[in-house]
């Protein structure tokens, strides 16, 4: 009987702690004229051990495979969608943000005709962006949109430099993730 009372008290304490917790809400913080996009989270999220999990990862949704993070451009009224082709890479992840670098094939055509093109980011796999409090992003908060400013072309040398910096940063991520796991375990008790 005493064990049951102890378990009930622990459940009540856990439930009261959970009442104050909020799921992380992502939003686009800024978009530079060179394609640097910062996604901010209202609550800290767990760090991933490898940034390529965001870029290369897929998730099945109702039998269809989607990228973990889907990034696309909705053309403005006067834009030619054939000129809006781009590639992207995750540059950095912190507990409160993700930085993404967009590489446009023809940057000068982005939002160039008076009606801005819209950047759309969809979080398809909420498990990848779980809050440190273990809560998931709510479904209604998983699609972000923001007008793209006119863009400047990033040179091939600049692109190579960014990609090299990302590779070097990923090597250092192991320590950060290990620390994050320890902190998460300590705060779970």
Foldseek 3Di string as FASTA:
>chain_A
DVVVVVVVVVVVVVVVVCVPDDWWFWAWDDADQQQKTKIFIPFFWADDLFQVCQVVPWDDDPNDIDHQKDKDKADFPPADRVQADWGKGWQDDDRTITIMGIAGPRLQRALPPVGHIKIKIFRPDQCNGAGLVRHTHDRVRRIYIDTHDRHDHDDPVRVVVSVVNSVVVSVVSNVVNVVSVVVSVVVVD
